C-alpha atoms as a PDB file:
ATOM      1  CA  MET A   1     -47.576 -22.066  14.365  1.00  0.00           C
ATOM      2  CA  LYS A   2     -48.988 -21.945  10.830  1.00  0.00           C
ATOM      3  CA  GLY A   3     -51.528 -23.702   8.630  1.00  0.00           C
ATOM      4  CA  ILE A   4     -51.517 -23.687   4.848  1.00  0.00           C
ATOM      5  CA  GLY A   5     -52.896 -26.015   2.204  1.00  0.00           C
ATOM      6  CA  GLY A   6     -53.969 -28.659   4.709  1.00  0.00           C
ATOM      7  CA  PHE A   7     -50.533 -28.790   6.346  1.00  0.00           C
ATOM      8  CA  TYR A   8     -49.999 -27.606   9.909  1.00  0.00           C
ATOM      9  CA  TYR A   9     -46.660 -26.607  11.379  1.00  0.00           C
ATOM     10  CA  VAL A  10     -46.483 -27.546  15.043  1.00  0.00           C
ATOM     11  CA  GLU A  11     -43.781 -26.429  17.472  1.00  0.00           C
ATOM     12  CA  ALA A  12     -42.549 -29.086  19.879  1.00  0.00           C
ATOM     13  CA  ALA A  13     -39.644 -29.066  22.330  1.00  0.00           C
ATOM     14  CA  ASP A  14     -37.194 -30.304  19.703  1.00  0.00           C
ATOM     15  CA  GLY A  15     -38.358 -28.420  16.638  1.00  0.00           C
ATOM     16  CA  ILE A  16     -41.226 -27.702  14.262  1.00  0.00           C
ATOM     17  CA  TYR A  17     -43.043 -30.582  12.572  1.00  0.00           C
ATOM     18  CA  GLU A  18     -45.150 -30.550   9.421  1.00  0.00           C
ATOM     19  CA  CYS A  19     -48.389 -32.423  10.175  1.00  0.00           C
ATOM     20  CA  ARG A  20     -51.706 -33.372   8.726  1.00  0.00           C
ATOM     21  CA  ALA A  21     -54.873 -33.317  10.833  1.00  0.00           C
ATOM     22  CA  ARG A  22     -56.485 -36.691  11.407  1.00  0.00           C
ATOM     23  CA  GLY A  23     -59.687 -37.329   9.468  1.00  0.00           C
ATOM     24  CA  VAL A  24     -61.739 -37.383  12.651  1.00  0.00           C
ATOM     25  CA  PHE A  25     -61.410 -33.591  12.876  1.00  0.00           C
ATOM     26  CA  ARG A  26     -62.843 -33.132   9.407  1.00  0.00           C
ATOM     27  CA  ASN A  27     -65.673 -35.533  10.222  1.00  0.00           C
ATOM     28  CA  ASP A  28     -66.451 -33.484  13.343  1.00  0.00           C
ATOM     29  CA  GLY A  29     -66.238 -30.182  11.465  1.00  0.00           C
ATOM     30  CA  VAL A  30     -63.193 -29.074  13.484  1.00  0.00           C
ATOM     31  CA  THR A  31     -60.192 -27.306  11.958  1.00  0.00           C
ATOM     32  CA  PRO A  32     -56.882 -26.785  13.797  1.00  0.00           C
ATOM     33  CA  LEU A  33     -56.188 -23.090  14.317  1.00  0.00           C
ATOM     34  CA  VAL A  34     -53.004 -21.109  14.701  1.00  0.00           C
ATOM     35  CA  GLY A  35     -52.442 -20.924  18.464  1.00  0.00           C
ATOM     36  CA  ASP A  36     -53.982 -24.318  19.225  1.00  0.00           C
ATOM     37  CA  ARG A  37     -52.343 -26.601  21.780  1.00  0.00           C
ATOM     38  CA  VAL A  38     -52.241 -30.062  20.257  1.00  0.00           C
ATOM     39  CA  SER A  39     -50.750 -33.525  20.618  1.00  0.00           C
ATOM     40  CA  ILE A  40     -49.025 -35.026  17.594  1.00  0.00           C
ATOM     41  CA  THR A  41     -47.574 -38.298  16.390  1.00  0.00           C
ATOM     42  CA  VAL A  42     -44.192 -38.052  14.697  1.00  0.00           C
ATOM     43  CA  ASN A  43     -43.686 -40.870  12.209  1.00  0.00           C
ATOM     44  CA  ASP A  44     -40.512 -42.122  10.587  1.00  0.00           C
ATOM     45  CA  GLY A  45     -40.044 -42.730   6.901  1.00  0.00           C
ATOM     46  CA  ASP A  46     -42.698 -41.791   4.365  1.00  0.00           C
ATOM     47  CA  THR A  47     -45.665 -41.676   6.777  1.00  0.00           C
ATOM     48  CA  GLU A  48     -47.000 -38.190   7.517  1.00  0.00           C
ATOM     49  CA  ASN A  49     -46.910 -36.742  11.000  1.00  0.00           C
ATOM     50  CA  THR A  50     -50.390 -36.235  12.422  1.00  0.00           C
ATOM     51  CA  ILE A  51     -52.259 -33.957  14.798  1.00  0.00           C
ATOM     52  CA  ASP A  52     -54.090 -36.369  17.096  1.00  0.00           C
ATOM     53  CA  GLU A  53     -55.809 -34.097  19.614  1.00  0.00           C
ATOM     54  CA  ILE A  54     -56.708 -30.431  19.933  1.00  0.00           C
ATOM     55  CA  PHE A  55     -56.819 -29.396  23.570  1.00  0.00           C
ATOM     56  CA  GLU A  56     -59.596 -27.196  24.914  1.00  0.00           C
ATOM     57  CA  ARG A  57     -59.408 -23.603  23.706  1.00  0.00           C
ATOM     58  CA  LYS A  58     -59.828 -20.728  26.120  1.00  0.00           C
ATOM     59  CA  ASN A  59     -61.016 -18.584  23.210  1.00  0.00           C
ATOM     60  CA  GLU A  60     -61.014 -18.452  19.449  1.00  0.00           C
ATOM     61  CA  LEU A  61     -61.507 -15.872  16.746  1.00  0.00           C
ATOM     62  CA  ARG A  62     -62.828 -16.564  13.264  1.00  0.00           C
ATOM     63  CA  ARG A  63     -61.370 -13.566  11.461  1.00  0.00           C
ATOM     64  CA  PRO A  64     -58.455 -13.912  11.908  1.00  0.00           C
ATOM     65  CA  PRO A  65     -58.701 -17.687  12.585  1.00  0.00           C
ATOM     66  CA  VAL A  66     -56.615 -17.973  15.763  1.00  0.00           C
ATOM     67  CA  ALA A  67     -57.039 -19.534  19.214  1.00  0.00           C
ATOM     68  CA  ASN A  68     -55.828 -19.067  22.795  1.00  0.00           C
ATOM     69  CA  ILE A  69     -55.075 -15.359  22.537  1.00  0.00           C
ATOM     70  CA  ASP A  70     -54.086 -13.499  25.718  1.00  0.00           C
ATOM     71  CA  ARG A  71     -53.976  -9.965  24.323  1.00  0.00           C
ATOM     72  CA  VAL A  72     -55.158  -8.171  21.201  1.00  0.00           C
ATOM     73  CA  ILE A  73     -52.769  -5.392  20.244  1.00  0.00           C
ATOM     74  CA  ILE A  74     -54.979  -2.842  18.476  1.00  0.00           C
ATOM     75  CA  VAL A  75     -52.685  -0.613  16.431  1.00  0.00           C
ATOM     76  CA  VAL A  76     -54.126   2.790  15.553  1.00  0.00           C
ATOM     77  CA  ALA A  77     -52.326   5.342  13.392  1.00  0.00           C
ATOM     78  CA  SER A  78     -52.432   8.988  14.417  1.00  0.00           C
ATOM     79  CA  LYS A  79     -53.360   9.731  10.788  1.00  0.00           C
ATOM     80  CA  GLU A  80     -53.189   8.010   7.400  1.00  0.00           C
ATOM     81  CA  PRO A  81     -55.408   6.039   7.911  1.00  0.00           C
ATOM     82  CA  ARG A  82     -57.505   8.203  10.199  1.00  0.00           C
ATOM     83  CA  PRO A  83     -58.506   6.599  13.523  1.00  0.00           C
ATOM     84  CA  ASN A  84     -62.078   5.316  13.722  1.00  0.00           C
ATOM     85  CA  PRO A  85     -63.188   5.173  17.382  1.00  0.00           C
ATOM     86  CA  LEU A  86     -66.206   2.943  16.632  1.00  0.00           C
ATOM     87  CA  VAL A  87     -63.982   0.327  14.948  1.00  0.00           C
ATOM     88  CA  ILE A  88     -61.556   0.447  17.889  1.00  0.00           C
ATOM     89  CA  ASP A  89     -64.388   0.090  20.393  1.00  0.00           C
ATOM     90  CA  ARG A  90     -65.979  -2.811  18.518  1.00  0.00           C
ATOM     91  CA  LEU A  91     -62.658  -4.593  18.741  1.00  0.00           C
ATOM     92  CA  THR A  92     -62.222  -3.915  22.439  1.00  0.00           C
ATOM     93  CA  ALA A  93     -65.786  -5.076  23.178  1.00  0.00           C
ATOM     94  CA  ILE A  94     -65.339  -8.341  21.259  1.00  0.00           C
ATOM     95  CA  ALA A  95     -61.982  -8.957  22.932  1.00  0.00           C
ATOM     96  CA  VAL A  96     -63.361  -8.355  26.439  1.00  0.00           C
ATOM     97  CA  ARG A  97     -66.285 -10.701  25.772  1.00  0.00           C
ATOM     98  CA  LYS A  98     -63.848 -13.432  24.757  1.00  0.00           C
ATOM     99  CA  GLY A  99     -61.596 -12.935  27.769  1.00  0.00           C
ATOM    100  CA  ILE A 100     -58.848 -11.238  25.775  1.00  0.00           C
ATOM    101  CA  GLU A 101     -57.168  -8.103  27.119  1.00  0.00           C
ATOM    102  CA  PRO A 102     -57.131  -5.243  24.594  1.00  0.00           C
ATOM    103  CA  VAL A 103     -54.015  -3.097  24.324  1.00  0.00           C
ATOM    104  CA  ILE A 104     -54.367   0.240  22.521  1.00  0.00           C
ATOM    105  CA  VAL A 105     -51.254   1.203  20.565  1.00  0.00           C
ATOM    106  CA  LEU A 106     -51.210   4.747  19.177  1.00  0.00           C
ATOM    107  CA  ASN A 107     -48.666   4.562  16.376  1.00  0.00           C
ATOM    108  CA  LYS A 108     -47.044   7.165  14.115  1.00  0.00           C
ATOM    109  CA  ALA A 109     -47.172   9.646  16.977  1.00  0.00           C
ATOM    110  CA  ASP A 110     -44.783  11.933  15.092  1.00  0.00           C
ATOM    111  CA  LEU A 111     -47.398  12.681  12.410  1.00  0.00           C
ATOM    112  CA  LYS A 112     -50.179  14.029  14.628  1.00  0.00           C
ATOM    113  CA  ASP A 113     -50.875  14.713  18.276  1.00  0.00           C
ATOM    114  CA  VAL A 114     -52.504  11.671  19.911  1.00  0.00           C
ATOM    115  CA  SER A 115     -53.178  13.196  23.333  1.00  0.00           C
ATOM    116  CA  GLU A 116     -56.976  13.187  22.841  1.00  0.00           C
ATOM    117  CA  LEU A 117     -57.026   9.493  21.933  1.00  0.00           C
ATOM    118  CA  LYS A 118     -54.649   8.759  24.790  1.00  0.00           C
ATOM    119  CA  GLU A 119     -56.917  10.551  27.259  1.00  0.00           C
ATOM    120  CA  THR A 120     -59.963   8.648  25.941  1.00  0.00           C
ATOM    121  CA  TYR A 121     -58.463   5.195  26.470  1.00  0.00           C
ATOM    122  CA  GLU A 122     -56.722   6.057  29.713  1.00  0.00           C
ATOM    123  CA  LYS A 123     -60.255   6.211  31.151  1.00  0.00           C
ATOM    124  CA  THR A 124     -60.529   2.478  30.442  1.00  0.00           C
ATOM    125  CA  PRO A 125     -58.612  -0.366  32.135  1.00  0.00           C
ATOM    126  CA  PHE A 126     -56.810  -1.099  28.840  1.00  0.00           C
ATOM    127  CA  PRO A 127     -53.066  -0.481  28.562  1.00  0.00           C
ATOM    128  CA  VAL A 128     -52.286   2.438  26.224  1.00  0.00           C
ATOM    129  CA  VAL A 129     -48.907   2.718  24.511  1.00  0.00           C
ATOM    130  CA  ILE A 130     -47.671   5.520  22.246  1.00  0.00           C
ATOM    131  CA  THR A 131     -45.280   4.178  19.618  1.00  0.00           C
ATOM    132  CA  ASN A 132     -43.258   5.094  16.583  1.00  0.00           C
ATOM    133  CA  GLY A 133     -42.077   2.141  14.538  1.00  0.00           C
ATOM    134  CA  LEU A 134     -39.402   4.214  12.827  1.00  0.00           C
ATOM    135  CA  THR A 135     -37.773   5.690  15.946  1.00  0.00           C
ATOM    136  CA  GLY A 136     -38.491   2.856  18.393  1.00  0.00           C
ATOM    137  CA  GLU A 137     -40.553   5.036  20.733  1.00  0.00           C
ATOM    138  CA  GLY A 138     -42.687   2.902  23.053  1.00  0.00           C
ATOM    139  CA  THR A 139     -41.154  -0.417  22.015  1.00  0.00           C
ATOM    140  CA  ASP A 140     -39.751  -1.210  25.460  1.00  0.00           C
ATOM    141  CA  GLU A 141     -43.200  -0.799  27.009  1.00  0.00           C
ATOM    142  CA  LEU A 142     -44.738  -2.938  24.280  1.00  0.00           C
ATOM    143  CA  LYS A 143     -42.091  -5.656  24.684  1.00  0.00           C
ATOM    144  CA  ALA A 144     -43.028  -5.985  28.345  1.00  0.00           C
ATOM    145  CA  LEU A 145     -46.676  -6.539  27.367  1.00  0.00           C
ATOM    146  CA  LEU A 146     -45.727  -9.256  24.866  1.00  0.00           C
ATOM    147  CA  LYS A 147     -43.455 -11.275  27.152  1.00  0.00           C
ATOM    148  CA  GLY A 148     -44.946 -14.638  28.078  1.00  0.00           C
ATOM    149  CA  LYS A 149     -48.180 -13.937  26.190  1.00  0.00           C
ATOM    150  CA  THR A 150     -49.800 -14.940  22.918  1.00  0.00           C
ATOM    151  CA  CYS A 151     -50.916 -11.764  21.194  1.00  0.00           C
ATOM    152  CA  ALA A 152     -52.706 -10.886  17.967  1.00  0.00           C
ATOM    153  CA  PHE A 153     -51.732  -7.668  16.222  1.00  0.00           C
ATOM    154  CA  THR A 154     -54.634  -6.078  14.402  1.00  0.00           C
ATOM    155  CA  GLY A 155     -55.659  -2.778  12.895  1.00  0.00           C
ATOM    156  CA  ASN A 156     -56.483  -1.321   9.495  1.00  0.00           C
ATOM    157  CA  SER A 157     -53.980  -1.743   6.682  1.00  0.00           C
ATOM    158  CA  GLY A 158     -51.434   1.037   6.727  1.00  0.00           C
ATOM    159  CA  VAL A 159     -51.368   1.678  10.486  1.00  0.00           C
ATOM    160  CA  GLY A 160     -47.819   0.317  10.662  1.00  0.00           C
ATOM    161  CA  LYS A 161     -48.224  -3.123  12.237  1.00  0.00           C
ATOM    162  CA  SER A 162     -45.401  -4.723  10.260  1.00  0.00           C
ATOM    163  CA  THR A 163     -43.068  -1.752  10.756  1.00  0.00           C
ATOM    164  CA  LEU A 164     -43.766  -1.852  14.467  1.00  0.00           C
ATOM    165  CA  LEU A 165     -43.123  -5.603  14.684  1.00  0.00           C
ATOM    166  CA  ASN A 166     -39.829  -5.137  12.819  1.00  0.00           C
ATOM    167  CA  ALA A 167     -38.884  -2.476  15.391  1.00  0.00           C
ATOM    168  CA  LEU A 168     -39.669  -4.949  18.194  1.00  0.00           C
ATOM    169  CA  ASP A 169     -37.620  -7.701  16.538  1.00  0.00           C
ATOM    170  CA  PRO A 170     -35.580  -6.771  13.429  1.00  0.00           C
ATOM    171  CA  THR A 171     -34.944 -10.456  12.643  1.00  0.00           C
ATOM    172  CA  LEU A 172     -38.601 -10.780  11.591  1.00  0.00           C
ATOM    173  CA  ASP A 173     -37.925  -8.710   8.469  1.00  0.00           C
ATOM    174  CA  LEU A 174     -41.635  -8.450   7.676  1.00  0.00           C
ATOM    175  CA  ALA A 175     -42.688  -6.859   4.404  1.00  0.00           C
ATOM    176  CA  THR A 176     -44.131  -3.367   4.763  1.00  0.00           C
ATOM    177  CA  ALA A 177     -46.078  -1.107   2.417  1.00  0.00           C
ATOM    178  CA  GLU A 178     -46.382   2.634   2.053  1.00  0.00           C
ATOM    179  CA  ILE A 179     -49.730   4.338   2.246  1.00  0.00           C
ATOM    180  CA  SER A 180     -51.637   4.589  -1.001  1.00  0.00           C
ATOM    181  CA  ARG A 181     -52.170   8.344  -1.260  1.00  0.00           C
ATOM    182  CA  LYS A 182     -54.887   7.901  -3.844  1.00  0.00           C
ATOM    183  CA  LEU A 183     -56.953   5.436  -1.822  1.00  0.00           C
ATOM    184  CA  GLY A 184     -56.087   6.818   1.592  1.00  0.00           C
ATOM    185  CA  ARG A 185     -55.359   3.360   2.981  1.00  0.00           C
ATOM    186  CA  GLY A 186     -52.587   0.801   3.052  1.00  0.00           C
ATOM    187  CA  ARG A 187     -51.857  -1.966   0.605  1.00  0.00           C
ATOM    188  CA  HIS A 188     -52.097  -5.484   1.977  1.00  0.00           C
ATOM    189  CA  THR A 189     -48.721  -6.810   3.083  1.00  0.00           C
ATOM    190  CA  THR A 190     -49.490  -9.781   5.360  1.00  0.00           C
ATOM    191  CA  ARG A 191     -50.991 -12.782   3.541  1.00  0.00           C
ATOM    192  CA  GLU A 192     -51.646 -15.391   6.212  1.00  0.00           C
ATOM    193  CA  CYS A 193     -51.739 -15.927   9.951  1.00  0.00           C
ATOM    194  CA  THR A 194     -48.449 -17.131  11.370  1.00  0.00           C
ATOM    195  CA  LEU A 195     -47.467 -17.480  15.002  1.00  0.00           C
ATOM    196  CA  MET A 196     -44.062 -15.872  15.510  1.00  0.00           C
ATOM    197  CA  LYS A 197     -41.744 -15.827  18.503  1.00  0.00           C
ATOM    198  CA  VAL A 198     -41.325 -12.198  19.515  1.00  0.00           C
ATOM    199  CA  CYS A 199     -39.901 -10.693  22.711  1.00  0.00           C
ATOM    200  CA  GLY A 200     -40.382 -13.792  24.836  1.00  0.00           C
ATOM    201  CA  GLY A 201     -43.936 -14.426  23.652  1.00  0.00           C
ATOM    202  CA  TYR A 202     -45.870 -15.319  20.526  1.00  0.00           C
ATOM    203  CA  VAL A 203     -47.405 -12.889  18.080  1.00  0.00           C
ATOM    204  CA  VAL A 204     -49.935 -13.360  15.283  1.00  0.00           C
ATOM    205  CA  ASP A 205     -49.595 -10.712  12.604  1.00  0.00           C
ATOM    206  CA  THR A 206     -53.052 -10.756  11.026  1.00  0.00           C
ATOM    207  CA  PRO A 207     -53.906  -9.938   7.391  1.00  0.00           C
ATOM    208  CA  GLY A 208     -54.724  -6.382   6.325  1.00  0.00           C
ATOM    209  CA  PHE A 209     -58.208  -5.119   7.179  1.00  0.00           C
ATOM    210  CA  ALA A 210     -58.457  -7.808   9.858  1.00  0.00           C
ATOM    211  CA  SER A 211     -59.914  -5.294  12.281  1.00  0.00           C
ATOM    212  CA  LEU A 212     -62.850  -4.470  10.007  1.00  0.00           C
ATOM    213  CA  GLU A 213     -63.560  -8.129   9.256  1.00  0.00           C
ATOM    214  CA  PHE A 214     -63.150  -8.976  12.935  1.00  0.00           C
ATOM    215  CA  ALA A 215     -65.673  -6.307  13.876  1.00  0.00           C
ATOM    216  CA  ARG A 216     -68.290  -7.273  11.302  1.00  0.00           C
ATOM    217  CA  ASP A 217     -67.994 -10.971  12.002  1.00  0.00           C
ATOM    218  CA  GLU A 218     -68.906 -10.726  15.686  1.00  0.00           C
ATOM    219  CA  LEU A 219     -71.796  -9.109  17.517  1.00  0.00           C
ATOM    220  CA  VAL A 220     -72.235  -8.588  21.240  1.00  0.00           C
ATOM    221  CA  LEU A 221     -75.807  -9.019  22.461  1.00  0.00           C
ATOM    222  CA  LYS A 222     -77.387  -6.088  24.281  1.00  0.00           C
ATOM    223  CA  GLU A 223     -77.469  -7.911  27.625  1.00  0.00           C
ATOM    224  CA  ASP A 224     -73.703  -8.507  27.426  1.00  0.00           C
ATOM    225  CA  LEU A 225     -72.689  -5.135  26.044  1.00  0.00           C
ATOM    226  CA  GLU A 226     -72.296  -3.177  29.293  1.00  0.00           C
ATOM    227  CA  ASP A 227     -69.787  -5.767  30.548  1.00  0.00           C
ATOM    228  CA  CYS A 228     -67.700  -5.167  27.423  1.00  0.00           C
ATOM    229  CA  PHE A 229     -67.198  -1.521  28.428  1.00  0.00           C
ATOM    230  CA  PRO A 230     -65.459  -2.186  31.767  1.00  0.00           C
ATOM    231  CA  GLU A 231     -65.172   1.508  32.664  1.00  0.00           C
ATOM    232  CA  PHE A 232     -68.981   1.453  33.125  1.00  0.00           C
ATOM    233  CA  GLU A 233     -68.735  -1.094  35.953  1.00  0.00           C
ATOM    234  CA  PRO A 234     -68.162   1.294  38.907  1.00  0.00           C
ATOM    235  CA  PHE A 235     -71.367   3.193  38.027  1.00  0.00           C
ATOM    236  CA  ILE A 236     -73.826   0.497  36.916  1.00  0.00           C
ATOM    237  CA  ALA A 237     -75.030  -0.478  40.395  1.00  0.00           C
ATOM    238  CA  ASN A 238     -76.054   3.136  41.037  1.00  0.00           C
ATOM    239  CA  CYS A 239     -78.370   3.311  38.035  1.00  0.00           C
ATOM    240  CA  ARG A 240     -81.938   4.038  39.098  1.00  0.00           C
ATOM    241  CA  PHE A 241     -83.313   1.053  37.191  1.00  0.00           C
ATOM    242  CA  HIS A 242     -80.452  -1.365  37.815  1.00  0.00           C
ATOM    243  CA  PRO A 243     -80.157  -4.141  36.674  1.00  0.00           C
ATOM    244  CA  SER A 244     -82.430  -3.412  33.694  1.00  0.00           C
ATOM    245  CA  CYS A 245     -80.984  -0.010  32.775  1.00  0.00           C
ATOM    246  CA  ALA A 246     -79.879   0.144  29.126  1.00  0.00           C
ATOM    247  CA  HIS A 247     -77.690   3.245  29.731  1.00  0.00           C
ATOM    248  CA  MET A 248     -79.274   5.015  26.749  1.00  0.00           C
ATOM    249  CA  ASN A 249     -79.734   8.430  28.370  1.00  0.00           C
ATOM    250  CA  ASP A 250     -82.301   6.931  30.753  1.00  0.00           C
ATOM    251  CA  LYS A 251     -83.357   9.250  33.560  1.00  0.00           C
ATOM    252  CA  GLY A 252     -81.420   8.345  36.668  1.00  0.00           C
ATOM    253  CA  CYS A 253     -78.708   6.452  34.763  1.00  0.00           C
ATOM    254  CA  ALA A 254     -75.401   6.705  36.626  1.00  0.00           C
ATOM    255  CA  VAL A 255     -73.439   5.779  33.489  1.00  0.00           C
ATOM    256  CA  THR A 256     -74.753   8.728  31.472  1.00  0.00           C
ATOM    257  CA  ALA A 257     -74.123  10.968  34.497  1.00  0.00           C
ATOM    258  CA  ALA A 258     -70.517   9.731  34.555  1.00  0.00           C
ATOM    259  CA  VAL A 259     -70.213  10.642  30.862  1.00  0.00           C
ATOM    260  CA  GLU A 260     -71.475  14.150  31.588  1.00  0.00           C
ATOM    261  CA  GLU A 261     -68.949  14.466  34.419  1.00  0.00           C
ATOM    262  CA  GLY A 262     -66.096  13.344  32.155  1.00  0.00           C
ATOM    263  CA  LEU A 263     -65.444  10.132  34.082  1.00  0.00           C
ATOM    264  CA  ILE A 264     -66.320   8.047  31.024  1.00  0.00           C
ATOM    265  CA  ALA A 265     -65.085   9.195  27.612  1.00  0.00           C
ATOM    266  CA  GLU A 266     -67.870  10.595  25.451  1.00  0.00           C
ATOM    267  CA  SER A 267     -66.606   8.843  22.308  1.00  0.00           C
ATOM    268  CA  ARG A 268     -66.664   5.484  24.096  1.00  0.00           C
ATOM    269  CA  TYR A 269     -70.244   6.127  25.183  1.00  0.00           C
ATOM    270  CA  ARG A 270     -71.208   7.028  21.600  1.00  0.00           C
ATOM    271  CA  SER A 271     -69.741   3.712  20.471  1.00  0.00           C
ATOM    272  CA  TYR A 272     -71.732   1.883  23.138  1.00  0.00           C
ATOM    273  CA  ARG A 273     -74.948   3.548  21.976  1.00  0.00           C
ATOM    274  CA  ALA A 274     -74.238   2.742  18.322  1.00  0.00           C
ATOM    275  CA  MET A 275     -73.531  -0.899  19.134  1.00  0.00           C
ATOM    276  CA  TYR A 276     -76.624  -1.148  21.342  1.00  0.00           C
ATOM    277  CA  GLU A 277     -78.848   0.227  18.580  1.00  0.00           C
ATOM    278  CA  GLU A 278     -77.513  -2.420  16.206  1.00  0.00           C
ATOM    279  CA  VAL A 279     -78.410  -5.335  18.476  1.00  0.00           C
ATOM    280  CA  LYS A 280     -81.315  -4.067  20.593  1.00  0.00           C
ATOM    281  CA  ASP A 281     -83.823  -6.225  18.708  1.00  0.00           C
ATOM    282  CA  LEU A 282     -81.498  -9.202  18.222  1.00  0.00           C
ATOM    283  CA  GLU A 283     -81.933 -12.401  20.220  1.00  0.00           C
ATOM    284  CA  ALA A 284     -79.248 -15.012  20.968  1.00  0.00           C
ATOM    285  CA  TRP A 285     -80.845 -17.650  18.718  1.00  0.00           C
ATOM    286  CA  GLN A 286     -80.761 -15.227  15.771  1.00  0.00           C
ATOM    287  CA  LEU A 287     -77.057 -14.630  16.295  1.00  0.00           C
ATOM    288  CA  LYS A 288     -76.345 -18.362  16.359  1.00  0.00           C
ATOM    289  CA  SER A 289     -78.367 -18.998  13.212  1.00  0.00           C
ATOM    290  CA  SER A 290     -76.418 -16.327  11.312  1.00  0.00           C
ATOM    291  CA  LYS A 291     -73.072 -18.054  11.927  1.00  0.00           C
END
């Protein structure tokens, strides 16, 4: 549920236990992560409880350091801070590659019209929810997406993650911060990753700027990139040079034709092109050596 200072807080059927990780994990270069499924030994007296085994992870993220995530809730403010489509699309691509379902949450809908953003992401398979943490708009829809799942909330500081979580479950009483007018961004309010029980599921509220760190810390290789934009899938097989088409305005590309016809959002395609340009000369071994 939480890790701090070498202590790990593990939920079991009868409560939460403070544990230390066995030395074998350190020797193997393995660190327990928030969200891990583990086996523990509970000791009596002065002997510390221990984490004995970390079960296989279905996925893991390094920034934030969490494991076994079902959904990433990407919170985007209508304004203050201004939405950045490329940052959003980096996050969705990384999530898809790791087998995590992205959910796009358009928050602070009272401050600015979000219909254009809504239309963009409704052309993807990702759930899109319009919310207002102050009025409770959209919280019922979001609660249904959280139930029975382990979810990570992410997004730039100031988008209203903590306010929105408090609207979902007022007992959380998470600290919030107002926007810094001078800097045009939010002050950091969340200090560490903690797994919380929310609406019948578990939620990780990640530290401020997690989305930017998350995006910089991961790259998707060019050969994997098209699969991370799932709205491309219905058109890829019709590309003239399939399966080698890069979808970079190539003649006979069915994906670029779909963009021109409005079937794929133009901003999503721009993000794809930007991400492709970044990795077009990168090989898998180079990516591994950089980590």
